[in-house]
Amino acid sequence: MKFLCILGLILLIGTVVDGAGECGRSSPDNEAMKLAPCAGAAQDANSAVPGGCCTQIKRFSQNPKCLCAILLSDTAKASGVDPEVALTIPKRCNFANRPVGYKCGAYTLP
């Protein structure tokens, strides 16, 4: 009986840890695919940010840890995203409650 309780606890902890990534149960690379409308704005600071991009970024801005992981993901890098430019998108979308000053690797959200 004691063995079953310990086994159950280990399985429960394993399940919690499995869903505890930066973006919950989804990987940053999978979430990066949702930011396709942001491709141009993430490569050029002078490019207009499309409304569809702002909609997606707003969703991720509520979780800066996830947003950071997405913008530094392998998928974002392979897509030519410039992290320094991409991190300006929440500001360029005029979000008042964006995570200003959040450290994202070597970068800081403006």
PDB file of N, CA and C in Angstrom:
ATOM      1  N   MET A   1       0.823  -1.189   0.000  1.00  0.00           N
ATOM      2  CA  MET A   1       0.000   0.000   0.000  1.00  0.00           C
ATOM      3  C   MET A   1       0.869   1.254   0.000  1.00  0.00           C
ATOM      4  N   LYS A   2       1.907   1.240   0.806  1.00  0.00           N
ATOM      5  CA  LYS A   2       2.818   2.376   0.891  1.00  0.00           C
ATOM      6  C   LYS A   2       3.475   2.599  -0.475  1.00  0.00           C
ATOM      7  N   PHE A   3       3.846   1.522  -1.131  1.00  0.00           N
ATOM      8  CA  PHE A   3       4.451   1.596  -2.460  1.00  0.00           C
ATOM      9  C   PHE A   3       3.514   2.272  -3.455  1.00  0.00           C
ATOM     10  N   LEU A   4       2.236   1.913  -3.410  1.00  0.00           N
ATOM     11  CA  LEU A   4       1.249   2.491  -4.327  1.00  0.00           C
ATOM     12  C   LEU A   4       1.074   3.991  -4.084  1.00  0.00           C
ATOM     13  N   CYS A   5       1.124   4.425  -2.837  1.00  0.00           N
ATOM     14  CA  CYS A   5       1.009   5.849  -2.516  1.00  0.00           C
ATOM     15  C   CYS A   5       2.210   6.613  -3.062  1.00  0.00           C
ATOM     16  N   ILE A   6       3.398   6.057  -2.889  1.00  0.00           N
ATOM     17  CA  ILE A   6       4.610   6.698  -3.392  1.00  0.00           C
ATOM     18  C   ILE A   6       4.597   6.731  -4.914  1.00  0.00           C
ATOM     19  N   LEU A   7       4.201   5.641  -5.541  1.00  0.00           N
ATOM     20  CA  LEU A   7       4.104   5.593  -7.000  1.00  0.00           C
ATOM     21  C   LEU A   7       3.105   6.630  -7.509  1.00  0.00           C
ATOM     22  N   GLY A   8       1.955   6.742  -6.844  1.00  0.00           N
ATOM     23  CA  GLY A   8       0.947   7.732  -7.223  1.00  0.00           C
ATOM     24  C   GLY A   8       1.483   9.148  -7.111  1.00  0.00           C
ATOM     25  N   LEU A   9       2.235   9.421  -6.059  1.00  0.00           N
ATOM     26  CA  LEU A   9       2.833  10.739  -5.866  1.00  0.00           C
ATOM     27  C   LEU A   9       3.843  11.053  -6.965  1.00  0.00           C
ATOM     28  N   ILE A  10       4.651  10.090  -7.310  1.00  0.00           N
ATOM     29  CA  ILE A  10       5.642  10.279  -8.383  1.00  0.00           C
ATOM     30  C   ILE A  10       4.947  10.558  -9.708  1.00  0.00           C
ATOM     31  N   LEU A  11       3.888   9.817 -10.009  1.00  0.00           N
ATOM     32  CA  LEU A  11       3.138  10.043 -11.250  1.00  0.00           C
ATOM     33  C   LEU A  11       2.483  11.418 -11.264  1.00  0.00           C
ATOM     34  N   LEU A  12       1.961  11.848 -10.127  1.00  0.00           N
ATOM     35  CA  LEU A  12       1.329  13.163 -10.037  1.00  0.00           C
ATOM     36  C   LEU A  12       2.359  14.269 -10.265  1.00  0.00           C
ATOM     37  N   ILE A  13       3.503  14.159  -9.633  1.00  0.00           N
ATOM     38  CA  ILE A  13       4.561  15.152  -9.817  1.00  0.00           C
ATOM     39  C   ILE A  13       5.026  15.161 -11.267  1.00  0.00           C
ATOM     40  N   GLY A  14       5.172  14.004 -11.863  1.00  0.00           N
ATOM     41  CA  GLY A  14       5.580  13.920 -13.266  1.00  0.00           C
ATOM     42  C   GLY A  14       4.589  14.603 -14.191  1.00  0.00           C
ATOM     43  N   THR A  15       3.311  14.486 -13.909  1.00  0.00           N
ATOM     44  CA  THR A  15       2.277  15.121 -14.720  1.00  0.00           C
ATOM     45  C   THR A  15       2.324  16.632 -14.568  1.00  0.00           C
ATOM     46  N   VAL A  16       2.500  17.117 -13.352  1.00  0.00           N
ATOM     47  CA  VAL A  16       2.561  18.556 -13.101  1.00  0.00           C
ATOM     48  C   VAL A  16       3.789  19.156 -13.780  1.00  0.00           C
ATOM     49  N   VAL A  17       4.919  18.506 -13.649  1.00  0.00           N
ATOM     50  CA  VAL A  17       6.150  19.005 -14.256  1.00  0.00           C
ATOM     51  C   VAL A  17       6.035  19.005 -15.769  1.00  0.00           C
ATOM     52  N   ASP A  18       5.385  17.983 -16.334  1.00  0.00           N
ATOM     53  CA  ASP A  18       5.233  17.886 -17.778  1.00  0.00           C
ATOM     54  C   ASP A  18       4.486  19.090 -18.352  1.00  0.00           C
ATOM     55  N   GLY A  19       3.520  19.637 -17.629  1.00  0.00           N
ATOM     56  CA  GLY A  19       2.738  20.758 -18.114  1.00  0.00           C
ATOM     57  C   GLY A  19       3.235  22.091 -17.607  1.00  0.00           C
ATOM     58  N   ALA A  20       4.433  22.126 -17.066  1.00  0.00           N
ATOM     59  CA  ALA A  20       4.922  23.336 -16.424  1.00  0.00           C
ATOM     60  C   ALA A  20       5.954  24.081 -17.260  1.00  0.00           C
ATOM     61  N   GLY A  21       5.903  23.960 -18.581  1.00  0.00           N
ATOM     62  CA  GLY A  21       6.839  24.699 -19.420  1.00  0.00           C
ATOM     63  C   GLY A  21       6.481  26.168 -19.470  1.00  0.00           C
ATOM     64  N   GLU A  22       7.305  26.949 -20.144  1.00  0.00           N
ATOM     65  CA  GLU A  22       7.070  28.388 -20.239  1.00  0.00           C
ATOM     66  C   GLU A  22       5.688  28.701 -20.797  1.00  0.00           C
ATOM     67  N   CYS A  23       5.221  27.876 -21.710  1.00  0.00           N
ATOM     68  CA  CYS A  23       3.934  28.110 -22.372  1.00  0.00           C
ATOM     69  C   CYS A  23       2.923  27.015 -22.022  1.00  0.00           C
ATOM     70  N   GLY A  24       3.008  26.486 -20.830  1.00  0.00           N
ATOM     71  CA  GLY A  24       2.086  25.429 -20.411  1.00  0.00           C
ATOM     72  C   GLY A  24       2.435  24.122 -21.088  1.00  0.00           C
ATOM     73  N   ARG A  25       1.447  23.468 -21.639  1.00  0.00           N
ATOM     74  CA  ARG A  25       1.669  22.160 -22.265  1.00  0.00           C
ATOM     75  C   ARG A  25       2.174  22.258 -23.700  1.00  0.00           C
ATOM     76  N   SER A  26       2.136  23.437 -24.266  1.00  0.00           N
ATOM     77  CA  SER A  26       2.591  23.626 -25.645  1.00  0.00           C
ATOM     78  C   SER A  26       4.036  24.136 -25.640  1.00  0.00           C
ATOM     79  N   SER A  27       4.817  23.705 -26.601  1.00  0.00           N
ATOM     80  CA  SER A  27       6.212  24.150 -26.662  1.00  0.00           C
ATOM     81  C   SER A  27       6.280  25.550 -27.272  1.00  0.00           C
ATOM     82  N   PRO A  28       7.313  26.321 -26.926  1.00  0.00           N
ATOM     83  CA  PRO A  28       7.492  27.639 -27.544  1.00  0.00           C
ATOM     84  C   PRO A  28       7.562  27.557 -29.067  1.00  0.00           C
ATOM     85  N   ASP A  29       8.146  26.479 -29.603  1.00  0.00           N
ATOM     86  CA  ASP A  29       8.227  26.329 -31.059  1.00  0.00           C
ATOM     87  C   ASP A  29       6.833  26.183 -31.672  1.00  0.00           C
ATOM     88  N   ASN A  30       5.946  25.431 -31.022  1.00  0.00           N
ATOM     89  CA  ASN A  30       4.569  25.298 -31.522  1.00  0.00           C
ATOM     90  C   ASN A  30       3.828  26.625 -31.433  1.00  0.00           C
ATOM     91  N   GLU A  31       4.017  27.342 -30.333  1.00  0.00           N
ATOM     92  CA  GLU A  31       3.351  28.626 -30.154  1.00  0.00           C
ATOM     93  C   GLU A  31       3.878  29.665 -31.143  1.00  0.00           C
ATOM     94  N   ALA A  32       5.139  29.557 -31.529  1.00  0.00           N
ATOM     95  CA  ALA A  32       5.737  30.503 -32.481  1.00  0.00           C
ATOM     96  C   ALA A  32       5.010  30.472 -33.825  1.00  0.00           C
ATOM     97  N   MET A  33       4.474  29.324 -34.169  1.00  0.00           N
ATOM     98  CA  MET A  33       3.750  29.209 -35.438  1.00  0.00           C
ATOM     99  C   MET A  33       2.521  30.120 -35.463  1.00  0.00           C
ATOM    100  N   LYS A  34       1.960  30.413 -34.302  1.00  0.00           N
ATOM    101  CA  LYS A  34       0.778  31.272 -34.209  1.00  0.00           C
ATOM    102  C   LYS A  34       1.119  32.741 -34.460  1.00  0.00           C
ATOM    103  N   LEU A  35       2.413  33.046 -34.459  1.00  0.00           N
ATOM    104  CA  LEU A  35       2.840  34.430 -34.655  1.00  0.00           C
ATOM    105  C   LEU A  35       3.254  34.707 -36.099  1.00  0.00           C
ATOM    106  N   ALA A  36       2.813  33.874 -37.020  1.00  0.00           N
ATOM    107  CA  ALA A  36       3.122  34.083 -38.442  1.00  0.00           C
ATOM    108  C   ALA A  36       2.742  35.485 -38.925  1.00  0.00           C
ATOM    109  N   PRO A  37       1.612  36.080 -38.470  1.00  0.00           N
ATOM    110  CA  PRO A  37       1.279  37.428 -38.926  1.00  0.00           C
ATOM    111  C   PRO A  37       2.299  38.490 -38.495  1.00  0.00           C
ATOM    112  N   CYS A  38       3.177  38.123 -37.583  1.00  0.00           N
ATOM    113  CA  CYS A  38       4.163  39.073 -37.053  1.00  0.00           C
ATOM    114  C   CYS A  38       5.511  39.009 -37.782  1.00  0.00           C
ATOM    115  N   ALA A  39       5.641  38.150 -38.774  1.00  0.00           N
ATOM    116  CA  ALA A  39       6.936  37.903 -39.413  1.00  0.00           C
ATOM    117  C   ALA A  39       7.630  39.182 -39.868  1.00  0.00           C
ATOM    118  N   GLY A  40       6.958  40.017 -40.619  1.00  0.00           N
ATOM    119  CA  GLY A  40       7.577  41.248 -41.115  1.00  0.00           C
ATOM    120  C   GLY A  40       7.921  42.203 -39.997  1.00  0.00           C
ATOM    121  N   ALA A  41       7.016  42.361 -39.033  1.00  0.00           N
ATOM    122  CA  ALA A  41       7.223  43.278 -37.912  1.00  0.00           C
ATOM    123  C   ALA A  41       8.342  42.803 -36.990  1.00  0.00           C
ATOM    124  N   ALA A  42       8.608  41.497 -36.973  1.00  0.00           N
ATOM    125  CA  ALA A  42       9.654  40.939 -36.115  1.00  0.00           C
ATOM    126  C   ALA A  42      11.032  41.016 -36.756  1.00  0.00           C
ATOM    127  N   GLN A  43      11.070  41.427 -38.018  1.00  0.00           N
ATOM    128  CA  GLN A  43      12.345  41.538 -38.727  1.00  0.00           C
ATOM    129  C   GLN A  43      12.728  42.982 -39.009  1.00  0.00           C
ATOM    130  N   ASP A  44      11.740  43.885 -38.991  1.00  0.00           N
ATOM    131  CA  ASP A  44      11.978  45.281 -39.360  1.00  0.00           C
ATOM    132  C   ASP A  44      11.232  46.194 -38.385  1.00  0.00           C
ATOM    133  N   ALA A  45      11.977  46.964 -37.608  1.00  0.00           N
ATOM    134  CA  ALA A  45      11.385  47.851 -36.602  1.00  0.00           C
ATOM    135  C   ALA A  45      10.534  48.953 -37.224  1.00  0.00           C
ATOM    136  N   ASN A  46      10.723  49.230 -38.496  1.00  0.00           N
ATOM    137  CA  ASN A  46       9.957  50.280 -39.170  1.00  0.00           C
ATOM    138  C   ASN A  46       8.713  49.745 -39.876  1.00  0.00           C
ATOM    139  N   SER A  47       8.544  48.433 -39.863  1.00  0.00           N
ATOM    140  CA  SER A  47       7.402  47.805 -40.513  1.00  0.00           C
ATOM    141  C   SER A  47       6.152  47.974 -39.641  1.00  0.00           C
ATOM    142  N   ALA A  48       5.006  48.199 -40.289  1.00  0.00           N
ATOM    143  CA  ALA A  48       3.742  48.281 -39.543  1.00  0.00           C
ATOM    144  C   ALA A  48       3.422  46.918 -38.938  1.00  0.00           C
ATOM    145  N   VAL A  49       2.817  46.936 -37.768  1.00  0.00           N
ATOM    146  CA  VAL A  49       2.434  45.692 -37.105  1.00  0.00           C
ATOM    147  C   VAL A  49       0.973  45.394 -37.462  1.00  0.00           C
ATOM    148  N   PRO A  50       0.724  44.278 -38.167  1.00  0.00           N
ATOM    149  CA  PRO A  50      -0.657  43.938 -38.541  1.00  0.00           C
ATOM    150  C   PRO A  50      -1.544  43.676 -37.322  1.00  0.00           C
ATOM    151  N   GLY A  51      -2.826  43.938 -37.465  1.00  0.00           N
ATOM    152  CA  GLY A  51      -3.774  43.712 -36.384  1.00  0.00           C
ATOM    153  C   GLY A  51      -3.782  42.276 -35.891  1.00  0.00           C
ATOM    154  N   GLY A  52      -3.651  41.316 -36.821  1.00  0.00           N
ATOM    155  CA  GLY A  52      -3.614  39.903 -36.433  1.00  0.00           C
ATOM    156  C   GLY A  52      -2.418  39.585 -35.558  1.00  0.00           C
ATOM    157  N   CYS A  53      -1.325  40.276 -35.798  1.00  0.00           N
ATOM    158  CA  CYS A  53      -0.129  40.099 -34.977  1.00  0.00           C
ATOM    159  C   CYS A  53      -0.391  40.627 -33.571  1.00  0.00           C
ATOM    160  N   CYS A  54      -0.956  41.830 -33.478  1.00  0.00           N
ATOM    161  CA  CYS A  54      -1.240  42.423 -32.167  1.00  0.00           C
ATOM    162  C   CYS A  54      -2.188  41.547 -31.358  1.00  0.00           C
ATOM    163  N   THR A  55      -3.141  40.943 -32.027  1.00  0.00           N
ATOM    164  CA  THR A  55      -4.089  40.058 -31.347  1.00  0.00           C
ATOM    165  C   THR A  55      -3.364  38.888 -30.698  1.00  0.00           C
ATOM    166  N   GLN A  56      -2.457  38.271 -31.448  1.00  0.00           N
ATOM    167  CA  GLN A  56      -1.704  37.129 -30.912  1.00  0.00           C
ATOM    168  C   GLN A  56      -0.731  37.570 -29.827  1.00  0.00           C
ATOM    169  N   ILE A  57      -0.017  38.664 -30.063  1.00  0.00           N
ATOM    170  CA  ILE A  57       0.955  39.154 -29.081  1.00  0.00           C
ATOM    171  C   ILE A  57       0.265  39.520 -27.772  1.00  0.00           C
ATOM    172  N   LYS A  58      -0.924  40.099 -27.854  1.00  0.00           N
ATOM    173  CA  LYS A  58      -1.654  40.469 -26.638  1.00  0.00           C
ATOM    174  C   LYS A  58      -1.901  39.233 -25.783  1.00  0.00           C
ATOM    175  N   ARG A  59      -2.247  38.146 -26.437  1.00  0.00           N
ATOM    176  CA  ARG A  59      -2.469  36.889 -25.721  1.00  0.00           C
ATOM    177  C   ARG A  59      -1.215  36.435 -24.980  1.00  0.00           C
ATOM    178  N   PHE A  60      -0.084  36.555 -25.643  1.00  0.00           N
ATOM    179  CA  PHE A  60       1.172  36.102 -25.040  1.00  0.00           C
ATOM    180  C   PHE A  60       1.764  37.126 -24.072  1.00  0.00           C
ATOM    181  N   SER A  61       1.401  38.383 -24.202  1.00  0.00           N
ATOM    182  CA  SER A  61       1.933  39.417 -23.315  1.00  0.00           C
ATOM    183  C   SER A  61       1.493  39.212 -21.872  1.00  0.00           C
ATOM    184  N   GLN A  62       0.416  38.461 -21.676  1.00  0.00           N
ATOM    185  CA  GLN A  62      -0.047  38.155 -20.327  1.00  0.00           C
ATOM    186  C   GLN A  62       0.908  37.181 -19.637  1.00  0.00           C
ATOM    187  N   ASN A  63       1.755  36.526 -20.422  1.00  0.00           N
ATOM    188  CA  ASN A  63       2.731  35.579 -19.893  1.00  0.00           C
ATOM    189  C   ASN A  63       4.089  35.903 -20.526  1.00  0.00           C
ATOM    190  N   PRO A  64       4.805  36.901 -19.982  1.00  0.00           N
ATOM    191  CA  PRO A  64       6.067  37.320 -20.597  1.00  0.00           C
ATOM    192  C   PRO A  64       7.107  36.206 -20.695  1.00  0.00           C
ATOM    193  N   LYS A  65       7.058  35.262 -19.785  1.00  0.00           N
ATOM    194  CA  LYS A  65       7.989  34.135 -19.828  1.00  0.00           C
ATOM    195  C   LYS A  65       7.775  33.323 -21.102  1.00  0.00           C
ATOM    196  N   CYS A  66       6.515  33.102 -21.451  1.00  0.00           N
ATOM    197  CA  CYS A  66       6.172  32.370 -22.666  1.00  0.00           C
ATOM    198  C   CYS A  66       6.540  33.200 -23.898  1.00  0.00           C
ATOM    199  N   LEU A  67       6.173  34.485 -23.898  1.00  0.00           N
ATOM    200  CA  LEU A  67       6.487  35.354 -25.033  1.00  0.00           C
ATOM    201  C   LEU A  67       7.984  35.360 -25.298  1.00  0.00           C
ATOM    202  N   CYS A  68       8.765  35.461 -24.261  1.00  0.00           N
ATOM    203  CA  CYS A  68      10.221  35.447 -24.387  1.00  0.00           C
ATOM    204  C   CYS A  68      10.695  34.124 -24.995  1.00  0.00           C
ATOM    205  N   ALA A  69      10.188  33.025 -24.476  1.00  0.00           N
ATOM    206  CA  ALA A  69      10.579  31.701 -24.985  1.00  0.00           C
ATOM    207  C   ALA A  69      10.226  31.555 -26.458  1.00  0.00           C
ATOM    208  N   ILE A  70       9.073  32.096 -26.859  1.00  0.00           N
ATOM    209  CA  ILE A  70       8.643  32.016 -28.257  1.00  0.00           C
ATOM    210  C   ILE A  70       9.595  32.814 -29.148  1.00  0.00           C
ATOM    211  N   LEU A  71       9.887  34.049 -28.740  1.00  0.00           N
ATOM    212  CA  LEU A  71      10.710  34.926 -29.568  1.00  0.00           C
ATOM    213  C   LEU A  71      12.164  34.468 -29.657  1.00  0.00           C
ATOM    214  N   LEU A  72      12.593  33.645 -28.701  1.00  0.00           N
ATOM    215  CA  LEU A  72      13.960  33.109 -28.731  1.00  0.00           C
ATOM    216  C   LEU A  72      13.987  31.645 -29.183  1.00  0.00           C
ATOM    217  N   SER A  73      12.845  31.129 -29.619  1.00  0.00           N
ATOM    218  CA  SER A  73      12.749  29.716 -30.011  1.00  0.00           C
ATOM    219  C   SER A  73      13.491  29.432 -31.318  1.00  0.00           C
ATOM    220  N   ASP A  74      13.749  28.158 -31.551  1.00  0.00           N
ATOM    221  CA  ASP A  74      14.401  27.739 -32.801  1.00  0.00           C
ATOM    222  C   ASP A  74      13.537  28.094 -34.008  1.00  0.00           C
ATOM    223  N   THR A  75      12.220  27.972 -33.855  1.00  0.00           N
ATOM    224  CA  THR A  75      11.310  28.308 -34.957  1.00  0.00           C
ATOM    225  C   THR A  75      11.421  29.785 -35.310  1.00  0.00           C
ATOM    226  N   ALA A  76      11.451  30.637 -34.301  1.00  0.00           N
ATOM    227  CA  ALA A  76      11.574  32.077 -34.550  1.00  0.00           C
ATOM    228  C   ALA A  76      12.912  32.394 -35.216  1.00  0.00           C
ATOM    229  N   LYS A  77      13.973  31.790 -34.716  1.00  0.00           N
ATOM    230  CA  LYS A  77      15.302  32.020 -35.308  1.00  0.00           C
ATOM    231  C   LYS A  77      15.327  31.578 -36.768  1.00  0.00           C
ATOM    232  N   ALA A  78      14.763  30.401 -37.034  1.00  0.00           N
ATOM    233  CA  ALA A  78      14.747  29.868 -38.403  1.00  0.00           C
ATOM    234  C   ALA A  78      13.907  30.742 -39.335  1.00  0.00           C
ATOM    235  N   SER A  79      12.948  31.481 -38.760  1.00  0.00           N
ATOM    236  CA  SER A  79      12.083  32.352 -39.556  1.00  0.00           C
ATOM    237  C   SER A  79      12.698  33.726 -39.783  1.00  0.00           C
ATOM    238  N   GLY A  80      13.888  33.942 -39.242  1.00  0.00           N
ATOM    239  CA  GLY A  80      14.566  35.223 -39.432  1.00  0.00           C
ATOM    240  C   GLY A  80      14.145  36.304 -38.456  1.00  0.00           C
ATOM    241  N   VAL A  81      13.522  35.926 -37.349  1.00  0.00           N
ATOM    242  CA  VAL A  81      13.096  36.895 -36.343  1.00  0.00           C
ATOM    243  C   VAL A  81      14.318  37.509 -35.675  1.00  0.00           C
ATOM    244  N   ASP A  82      14.319  38.826 -35.570  1.00  0.00           N
ATOM    245  CA  ASP A  82      15.350  39.561 -34.829  1.00  0.00           C
ATOM    246  C   ASP A  82      14.768  39.782 -33.435  1.00  0.00           C
ATOM    247  N   PRO A  83      15.275  39.079 -32.414  1.00  0.00           N
ATOM    248  CA  PRO A  83      14.673  39.185 -31.077  1.00  0.00           C
ATOM    249  C   PRO A  83      14.585  40.621 -30.563  1.00  0.00           C
ATOM    250  N   GLU A  84      15.592  41.410 -30.827  1.00  0.00           N
ATOM    251  CA  GLU A  84      15.581  42.795 -30.349  1.00  0.00           C
ATOM    252  C   GLU A  84      14.425  43.583 -30.982  1.00  0.00           C
ATOM    253  N   VAL A  85      14.178  43.353 -32.258  1.00  0.00           N
ATOM    254  CA  VAL A  85      13.066  44.013 -32.960  1.00  0.00           C
ATOM    255  C   VAL A  85      11.735  43.401 -32.526  1.00  0.00           C
ATOM    256  N   ALA A  86      11.686  42.082 -32.427  1.00  0.00           N
ATOM    257  CA  ALA A  86      10.441  41.396 -32.061  1.00  0.00           C
ATOM    258  C   ALA A  86       9.944  41.831 -30.683  1.00  0.00           C
ATOM    259  N   LEU A  87      10.846  42.081 -29.772  1.00  0.00           N
ATOM    260  CA  LEU A  87      10.447  42.480 -28.425  1.00  0.00           C
ATOM    261  C   LEU A  87       9.823  43.873 -28.383  1.00  0.00           C
ATOM    262  N   THR A  88       9.948  44.635 -29.471  1.00  0.00           N
ATOM    263  CA  THR A  88       9.317  45.957 -29.519  1.00  0.00           C
ATOM    264  C   THR A  88       7.858  45.877 -29.980  1.00  0.00           C
ATOM    265  N   ILE A  89       7.424  44.720 -30.428  1.00  0.00           N
ATOM    266  CA  ILE A  89       6.064  44.596 -30.972  1.00  0.00           C
ATOM    267  C   ILE A  89       4.983  44.959 -29.952  1.00  0.00           C
ATOM    268  N   PRO A  90       5.036  44.503 -28.694  1.00  0.00           N
ATOM    269  CA  PRO A  90       3.984  44.919 -27.752  1.00  0.00           C
ATOM    270  C   PRO A  90       3.882  46.441 -27.632  1.00  0.00           C
ATOM    271  N   LYS A  91       5.002  47.132 -27.637  1.00  0.00           N
ATOM    272  CA  LYS A  91       5.001  48.596 -27.569  1.00  0.00           C
ATOM    273  C   LYS A  91       4.423  49.179 -28.861  1.00  0.00           C
ATOM    274  N   ARG A  92       4.806  48.602 -30.000  1.00  0.00           N
ATOM    275  CA  ARG A  92       4.315  49.082 -31.295  1.00  0.00           C
ATOM    276  C   ARG A  92       2.825  48.809 -31.479  1.00  0.00           C
ATOM    277  N   CYS A  93       2.290  47.844 -30.723  1.00  0.00           N
ATOM    278  CA  CYS A  93       0.844  47.579 -30.729  1.00  0.00           C
ATOM    279  C   CYS A  93       0.114  48.494 -29.741  1.00  0.00           C
ATOM    280  N   ASN A  94       0.869  49.341 -29.056  1.00  0.00           N
ATOM    281  CA  ASN A  94       0.313  50.301 -28.081  1.00  0.00           C
ATOM    282  C   ASN A  94      -0.388  49.635 -26.907  1.00  0.00           C
ATOM    283  N   PHE A  95       0.175  48.540 -26.409  1.00  0.00           N
ATOM    284  CA  PHE A  95      -0.393  47.883 -25.236  1.00  0.00           C
ATOM    285  C   PHE A  95       0.051  48.635 -23.992  1.00  0.00           C
ATOM    286  N   ALA A  96      -0.891  49.151 -23.247  1.00  0.00           N
ATOM    287  CA  ALA A  96      -0.576  49.905 -22.033  1.00  0.00           C
ATOM    288  C   ALA A  96      -0.040  48.990 -20.928  1.00  0.00           C
ATOM    289  N   ASN A  97      -0.534  47.766 -20.856  1.00  0.00           N
ATOM    290  CA  ASN A  97      -0.132  46.856 -19.775  1.00  0.00           C
ATOM    291  C   ASN A  97       0.881  45.818 -20.239  1.00  0.00           C
ATOM    292  N   ARG A  98       1.786  46.217 -21.120  1.00  0.00           N
ATOM    293  CA  ARG A  98       2.816  45.281 -21.585  1.00  0.00           C
ATOM    294  C   ARG A  98       3.868  45.106 -20.485  1.00  0.00           C
ATOM    295  N   PRO A  99       4.617  44.022 -20.530  1.00  0.00           N
ATOM    296  CA  PRO A  99       5.613  43.737 -19.484  1.00  0.00           C
ATOM    297  C   PRO A  99       6.905  44.548 -19.675  1.00  0.00           C
ATOM    298  N   VAL A 100       6.844  45.855 -19.463  1.00  0.00           N
ATOM    299  CA  VAL A 100       7.996  46.747 -19.635  1.00  0.00           C
ATOM    300  C   VAL A 100       9.114  46.342 -18.676  1.00  0.00           C
ATOM    301  N   GLY A 101      10.328  46.277 -19.205  1.00  0.00           N
ATOM    302  CA  GLY A 101      11.497  45.975 -18.385  1.00  0.00           C
ATOM    303  C   GLY A 101      11.745  44.496 -18.149  1.00  0.00           C
ATOM    304  N   TYR A 102      10.897  43.629 -18.693  1.00  0.00           N
ATOM    305  CA  TYR A 102      11.077  42.192 -18.498  1.00  0.00           C
ATOM    306  C   TYR A 102      12.331  41.734 -19.238  1.00  0.00           C
ATOM    307  N   LYS A 103      13.204  41.030 -18.547  1.00  0.00           N
ATOM    308  CA  LYS A 103      14.444  40.515 -19.145  1.00  0.00           C
ATOM    309  C   LYS A 103      14.148  39.252 -19.926  1.00  0.00           C
ATOM    310  N   CYS A 104      14.585  39.258 -21.173  1.00  0.00           N
ATOM    311  CA  CYS A 104      14.358  38.132 -22.068  1.00  0.00           C
ATOM    312  C   CYS A 104      15.721  37.757 -22.647  1.00  0.00           C
ATOM    313  N   GLY A 105      16.402  36.852 -22.003  1.00  0.00           N
ATOM    314  CA  GLY A 105      17.764  36.516 -22.419  1.00  0.00           C
ATOM    315  C   GLY A 105      18.630  37.750 -22.289  1.00  0.00           C
ATOM    316  N   ALA A 106      19.305  38.128 -23.367  1.00  0.00           N
ATOM    317  CA  ALA A 106      20.166  39.310 -23.371  1.00  0.00           C
ATOM    318  C   ALA A 106      19.386  40.589 -23.675  1.00  0.00           C
ATOM    319  N   TYR A 107      18.067  40.476 -23.839  1.00  0.00           N
ATOM    320  CA  TYR A 107      17.227  41.601 -24.256  1.00  0.00           C
ATOM    321  C   TYR A 107      16.271  42.018 -23.142  1.00  0.00           C
ATOM    322  N   THR A 108      15.754  43.232 -23.241  1.00  0.00           N
ATOM    323  CA  THR A 108      14.778  43.752 -22.286  1.00  0.00           C
ATOM    324  C   THR A 108      13.586  44.285 -23.047  1.00  0.00           C
ATOM    325  N   LEU A 109      12.387  43.935 -22.612  1.00  0.00           N
ATOM    326  CA  LEU A 109      11.174  44.447 -23.259  1.00  0.00           C
ATOM    327  C   LEU A 109      11.066  45.950 -23.013  1.00  0.00           C
ATOM    328  N   PRO A 110      10.912  46.723 -24.097  1.00  0.00           N
ATOM    329  CA  PRO A 110      10.794  48.183 -23.931  1.00  0.00           C
ATOM    330  C   PRO A 110       9.402  48.586 -23.459  1.00  0.00           C
TER     331      PRO A 110
END
